[in-house]
PDB file of N, CA and C in Angstrom:
ATOM      1  N   UNK A   1       8.120  44.723  26.978  1.00  0.00           N
ATOM      2  CA  UNK A   1       7.203  44.795  25.847  1.00  0.00           C
ATOM      3  C   UNK A   1       7.043  43.403  25.263  1.00  0.00           C
ATOM      4  N   UNK A   2       5.830  42.928  25.215  1.00  0.00           N
ATOM      5  CA  UNK A   2       5.552  41.594  24.714  1.00  0.00           C
ATOM      6  C   UNK A   2       5.177  41.667  23.237  1.00  0.00           C
ATOM      7  N   UNK A   3       5.992  41.038  22.383  1.00  0.00           N
ATOM      8  CA  UNK A   3       5.715  41.046  20.938  1.00  0.00           C
ATOM      9  C   UNK A   3       5.551  39.630  20.410  1.00  0.00           C
ATOM     10  N   UNK A   4       5.091  38.724  21.274  1.00  0.00           N
ATOM     11  CA  UNK A   4       4.947  37.324  20.864  1.00  0.00           C
ATOM     12  C   UNK A   4       3.924  37.142  19.762  1.00  0.00           C
ATOM     13  N   UNK A   5       2.853  37.948  19.809  1.00  0.00           N
ATOM     14  CA  UNK A   5       1.783  37.777  18.836  1.00  0.00           C
ATOM     15  C   UNK A   5       2.085  38.418  17.475  1.00  0.00           C
ATOM     16  N   UNK A   6       3.162  39.216  17.371  1.00  0.00           N
ATOM     17  CA  UNK A   6       3.544  39.841  16.094  1.00  0.00           C
ATOM     18  C   UNK A   6       4.517  38.917  15.380  1.00  0.00           C
ATOM     19  N   UNK A   7       4.132  38.501  14.173  1.00  0.00           N
ATOM     20  CA  UNK A   7       4.973  37.541  13.459  1.00  0.00           C
ATOM     21  C   UNK A   7       6.033  38.189  12.580  1.00  0.00           C
ATOM     22  N   UNK A   8       5.740  39.352  12.017  1.00  0.00           N
ATOM     23  CA  UNK A   8       6.666  39.985  11.089  1.00  0.00           C
ATOM     24  C   UNK A   8       7.808  40.667  11.841  1.00  0.00           C
ATOM     25  N   UNK A   9       9.019  40.395  11.413  1.00  0.00           N
ATOM     26  CA  UNK A   9      10.210  40.888  12.112  1.00  0.00           C
ATOM     27  C   UNK A   9      10.287  42.410  12.108  1.00  0.00           C
ATOM     28  N   UNK A  10      10.048  43.025  10.957  1.00  0.00           N
ATOM     29  CA  UNK A  10      10.166  44.483  10.852  1.00  0.00           C
ATOM     30  C   UNK A  10       9.127  45.182  11.732  1.00  0.00           C
ATOM     31  N   UNK A  11       7.923  44.633  11.753  1.00  0.00           N
ATOM     32  CA  UNK A  11       6.857  45.198  12.574  1.00  0.00           C
ATOM     33  C   UNK A  11       7.217  45.112  14.058  1.00  0.00           C
ATOM     34  N   UNK A  12       7.769  43.971  14.438  1.00  0.00           N
ATOM     35  CA  UNK A  12       8.195  43.757  15.827  1.00  0.00           C
ATOM     36  C   UNK A  12       9.258  44.774  16.222  1.00  0.00           C
ATOM     37  N   UNK A  13      10.218  45.007  15.298  1.00  0.00           N
ATOM     38  CA  UNK A  13      11.300  45.964  15.550  1.00  0.00           C
ATOM     39  C   UNK A  13      10.739  47.363  15.782  1.00  0.00           C
ATOM     40  N   UNK A  14       9.784  47.754  14.933  1.00  0.00           N
ATOM     41  CA  UNK A  14       9.164  49.075  15.056  1.00  0.00           C
ATOM     42  C   UNK A  14       8.507  49.243  16.415  1.00  0.00           C
ATOM     43  N   UNK A  15       7.744  48.213  16.819  1.00  0.00           N
ATOM     44  CA  UNK A  15       7.055  48.269  18.112  1.00  0.00           C
ATOM     45  C   UNK A  15       8.045  48.397  19.267  1.00  0.00           C
ATOM     46  N   UNK A  16       9.114  47.613  19.187  1.00  0.00           N
ATOM     47  CA  UNK A  16      10.114  47.632  20.258  1.00  0.00           C
ATOM     48  C   UNK A  16      10.821  48.975  20.335  1.00  0.00           C
ATOM     49  N   UNK A  17      11.147  49.544  19.171  1.00  0.00           N
ATOM     50  CA  UNK A  17      11.833  50.843  19.140  1.00  0.00           C
ATOM     51  C   UNK A  17      10.977  51.947  19.741  1.00  0.00           C
ATOM     52  N   UNK A  18       9.698  51.945  19.367  1.00  0.00           N
ATOM     53  CA  UNK A  18       8.807  52.977  19.904  1.00  0.00           C
ATOM     54  C   UNK A  18       8.656  52.817  21.422  1.00  0.00           C
ATOM     55  N   UNK A  19       8.577  51.577  21.876  1.00  0.00           N
ATOM     56  CA  UNK A  19       8.461  51.313  23.318  1.00  0.00           C
ATOM     57  C   UNK A  19       9.711  51.785  24.047  1.00  0.00           C
ATOM     58  N   UNK A  20      10.857  51.575  23.422  1.00  0.00           N
ATOM     59  CA  UNK A  20      12.120  51.979  24.029  1.00  0.00           C
ATOM     60  C   UNK A  20      12.204  53.499  24.146  1.00  0.00           C
ATOM     61  N   UNK A  21      11.694  54.192  23.115  1.00  0.00           N
ATOM     62  CA  UNK A  21      11.706  55.658  23.143  1.00  0.00           C
ATOM     63  C   UNK A  21      10.772  56.205  24.216  1.00  0.00           C
ATOM     64  N   UNK A  22       9.620  55.550  24.397  1.00  0.00           N
ATOM     65  CA  UNK A  22       8.633  55.999  25.380  1.00  0.00           C
ATOM     66  C   UNK A  22       9.080  55.719  26.808  1.00  0.00           C
ATOM     67  N   UNK A  23       9.851  54.668  27.004  1.00  0.00           N
ATOM     68  CA  UNK A  23      10.254  54.244  28.352  1.00  0.00           C
ATOM     69  C   UNK A  23      11.108  55.305  29.041  1.00  0.00           C
ATOM     70  N   UNK A  24      10.988  55.362  30.361  1.00  0.00           N
ATOM     71  CA  UNK A  24      11.773  56.305  31.149  1.00  0.00           C
ATOM     72  C   UNK A  24      13.249  55.934  31.077  1.00  0.00           C
ATOM     73  N   UNK A  25      14.146  56.919  31.047  1.00  0.00           N
ATOM     74  CA  UNK A  25      15.573  56.593  30.967  1.00  0.00           C
ATOM     75  C   UNK A  25      16.047  55.831  32.192  1.00  0.00           C
ATOM     76  N   UNK A  26      16.921  54.876  31.943  1.00  0.00           N
ATOM     77  CA  UNK A  26      17.440  54.054  33.036  1.00  0.00           C
ATOM     78  C   UNK A  26      18.439  54.859  33.861  1.00  0.00           C
ATOM     79  N   UNK A  27      18.502  54.560  35.140  1.00  0.00           N
ATOM     80  CA  UNK A  27      19.440  55.244  36.034  1.00  0.00           C
ATOM     81  C   UNK A  27      20.858  54.772  35.750  1.00  0.00           C
ATOM     82  N   UNK A  28      21.814  55.663  35.969  1.00  0.00           N
ATOM     83  CA  UNK A  28      23.218  55.306  35.771  1.00  0.00           C
ATOM     84  C   UNK A  28      23.613  54.263  36.799  1.00  0.00           C
ATOM     85  N   UNK A  29      24.575  53.418  36.422  1.00  0.00           N
ATOM     86  CA  UNK A  29      25.065  52.394  37.341  1.00  0.00           C
ATOM     87  C   UNK A  29      25.860  53.062  38.467  1.00  0.00           C
ATOM     88  N   UNK A  30      25.711  52.554  39.678  1.00  0.00           N
ATOM     89  CA  UNK A  30      26.416  53.108  40.831  1.00  0.00           C
ATOM     90  C   UNK A  30      27.923  53.015  40.623  1.00  0.00           C
ATOM     91  N   UNK A  31      28.643  53.974  41.189  1.00  0.00           N
ATOM     92  CA  UNK A  31      30.087  54.044  40.948  1.00  0.00           C
ATOM     93  C   UNK A  31      30.850  52.838  41.494  1.00  0.00           C
ATOM     94  N   UNK A  32      30.338  52.206  42.551  1.00  0.00           N
ATOM     95  CA  UNK A  32      31.047  51.090  43.169  1.00  0.00           C
ATOM     96  C   UNK A  32      30.766  49.739  42.535  1.00  0.00           C
ATOM     97  N   UNK A  33      29.878  49.696  41.551  1.00  0.00           N
ATOM     98  CA  UNK A  33      29.481  48.419  40.962  1.00  0.00           C
ATOM     99  C   UNK A  33      30.327  48.123  39.727  1.00  0.00           C
ATOM    100  N   UNK A  34      31.123  47.071  39.795  1.00  0.00           N
ATOM    101  CA  UNK A  34      31.942  46.673  38.658  1.00  0.00           C
ATOM    102  C   UNK A  34      31.102  45.835  37.713  1.00  0.00           C
ATOM    103  N   UNK A  35      31.443  45.885  36.424  1.00  0.00           N
ATOM    104  CA  UNK A  35      30.683  45.083  35.477  1.00  0.00           C
ATOM    105  C   UNK A  35      31.616  44.389  34.488  1.00  0.00           C
ATOM    106  N   UNK A  36      31.273  43.157  34.158  1.00  0.00           N
ATOM    107  CA  UNK A  36      32.003  42.407  33.139  1.00  0.00           C
ATOM    108  C   UNK A  36      33.482  42.251  33.414  1.00  0.00           C
ATOM    109  N   UNK A  37      34.292  42.798  32.509  1.00  0.00           N
ATOM    110  CA  UNK A  37      35.743  42.629  32.589  1.00  0.00           C
ATOM    111  C   UNK A  37      36.355  43.357  33.782  1.00  0.00           C
ATOM    112  N   UNK A  38      35.603  44.280  34.381  1.00  0.00           N
ATOM    113  CA  UNK A  38      36.124  45.036  35.514  1.00  0.00           C
ATOM    114  C   UNK A  38      35.978  44.278  36.839  1.00  0.00           C
ATOM    115  N   UNK A  39      35.236  43.176  36.821  1.00  0.00           N
ATOM    116  CA  UNK A  39      35.018  42.407  38.048  1.00  0.00           C
ATOM    117  C   UNK A  39      36.287  41.683  38.469  1.00  0.00           C
ATOM    118  N   UNK A  40      36.401  41.434  39.771  1.00  0.00           N
ATOM    119  CA  UNK A  40      37.553  40.696  40.276  1.00  0.00           C
ATOM    120  C   UNK A  40      37.433  39.252  39.819  1.00  0.00           C
ATOM    121  N   UNK A  41      38.523  38.708  39.338  1.00  0.00           N
ATOM    122  CA  UNK A  41      38.506  37.344  38.822  1.00  0.00           C
ATOM    123  C   UNK A  41      38.821  36.352  39.932  1.00  0.00           C
ATOM    124  N   UNK A  42      38.157  35.207  39.883  1.00  0.00           N
ATOM    125  CA  UNK A  42      38.405  34.143  40.856  1.00  0.00           C
ATOM    126  C   UNK A  42      39.494  33.257  40.275  1.00  0.00           C
ATOM    127  N   UNK A  43      40.570  33.093  41.023  1.00  0.00           N
ATOM    128  CA  UNK A  43      41.673  32.269  40.528  1.00  0.00           C
ATOM    129  C   UNK A  43      41.277  30.811  40.538  1.00  0.00           C
ATOM    130  N   UNK A  44      41.723  30.085  39.527  1.00  0.00           N
ATOM    131  CA  UNK A  44      41.418  28.662  39.459  1.00  0.00           C
ATOM    132  C   UNK A  44      42.212  27.921  40.527  1.00  0.00           C
ATOM    133  N   UNK A  45      41.546  26.981  41.171  1.00  0.00           N
ATOM    134  CA  UNK A  45      42.224  26.188  42.177  1.00  0.00           C
ATOM    135  C   UNK A  45      43.162  25.206  41.491  1.00  0.00           C
ATOM    136  N   UNK A  46      44.339  25.021  42.065  1.00  0.00           N
ATOM    137  CA  UNK A  46      45.298  24.072  41.510  1.00  0.00           C
ATOM    138  C   UNK A  46      44.761  22.671  41.744  1.00  0.00           C
ATOM    139  N   UNK A  47      44.800  21.861  40.711  1.00  0.00           N
ATOM    140  CA  UNK A  47      44.297  20.495  40.845  1.00  0.00           C
ATOM    141  C   UNK A  47      45.158  19.702  41.819  1.00  0.00           C
ATOM    142  N   UNK A  48      44.506  18.926  42.643  1.00  0.00           N
ATOM    143  CA  UNK A  48      45.250  18.081  43.584  1.00  0.00           C
ATOM    144  C   UNK A  48      45.385  18.692  44.954  1.00  0.00           C
ATOM    145  N   UNK A  49      45.036  19.965  45.100  1.00  0.00           N
ATOM    146  CA  UNK A  49      45.139  20.579  46.427  1.00  0.00           C
ATOM    147  C   UNK A  49      43.755  20.729  47.025  1.00  0.00           C
ATOM    148  N   UNK A  50      43.626  20.351  48.281  1.00  0.00           N
ATOM    149  CA  UNK A  50      42.337  20.435  48.953  1.00  0.00           C
ATOM    150  C   UNK A  50      42.198  21.797  49.597  1.00  0.00           C
ATOM    151  N   UNK A  51      41.026  22.366  49.513  1.00  0.00           N
ATOM    152  CA  UNK A  51      40.776  23.647  50.181  1.00  0.00           C
ATOM    153  C   UNK A  51      40.454  23.422  51.655  1.00  0.00           C
ATOM    154  N   UNK A  52      39.673  22.385  51.930  1.00  0.00           N
ATOM    155  CA  UNK A  52      39.272  22.108  53.321  1.00  0.00           C
ATOM    156  C   UNK A  52      39.481  20.640  53.630  1.00  0.00           C
TER     157      UNK A  52
END
């Protein structure tokens, strides 16, 4: 939803809310997809050691 031409904040909020209500519901995230804190963390490489 493009609200660039609307200057008033409250008016913009109203437009966005109505658009959000009209929009089709988003699909649930797949069970195998990790997000944010659940993702595997990459360990920091120790300084001074070469990988290759």
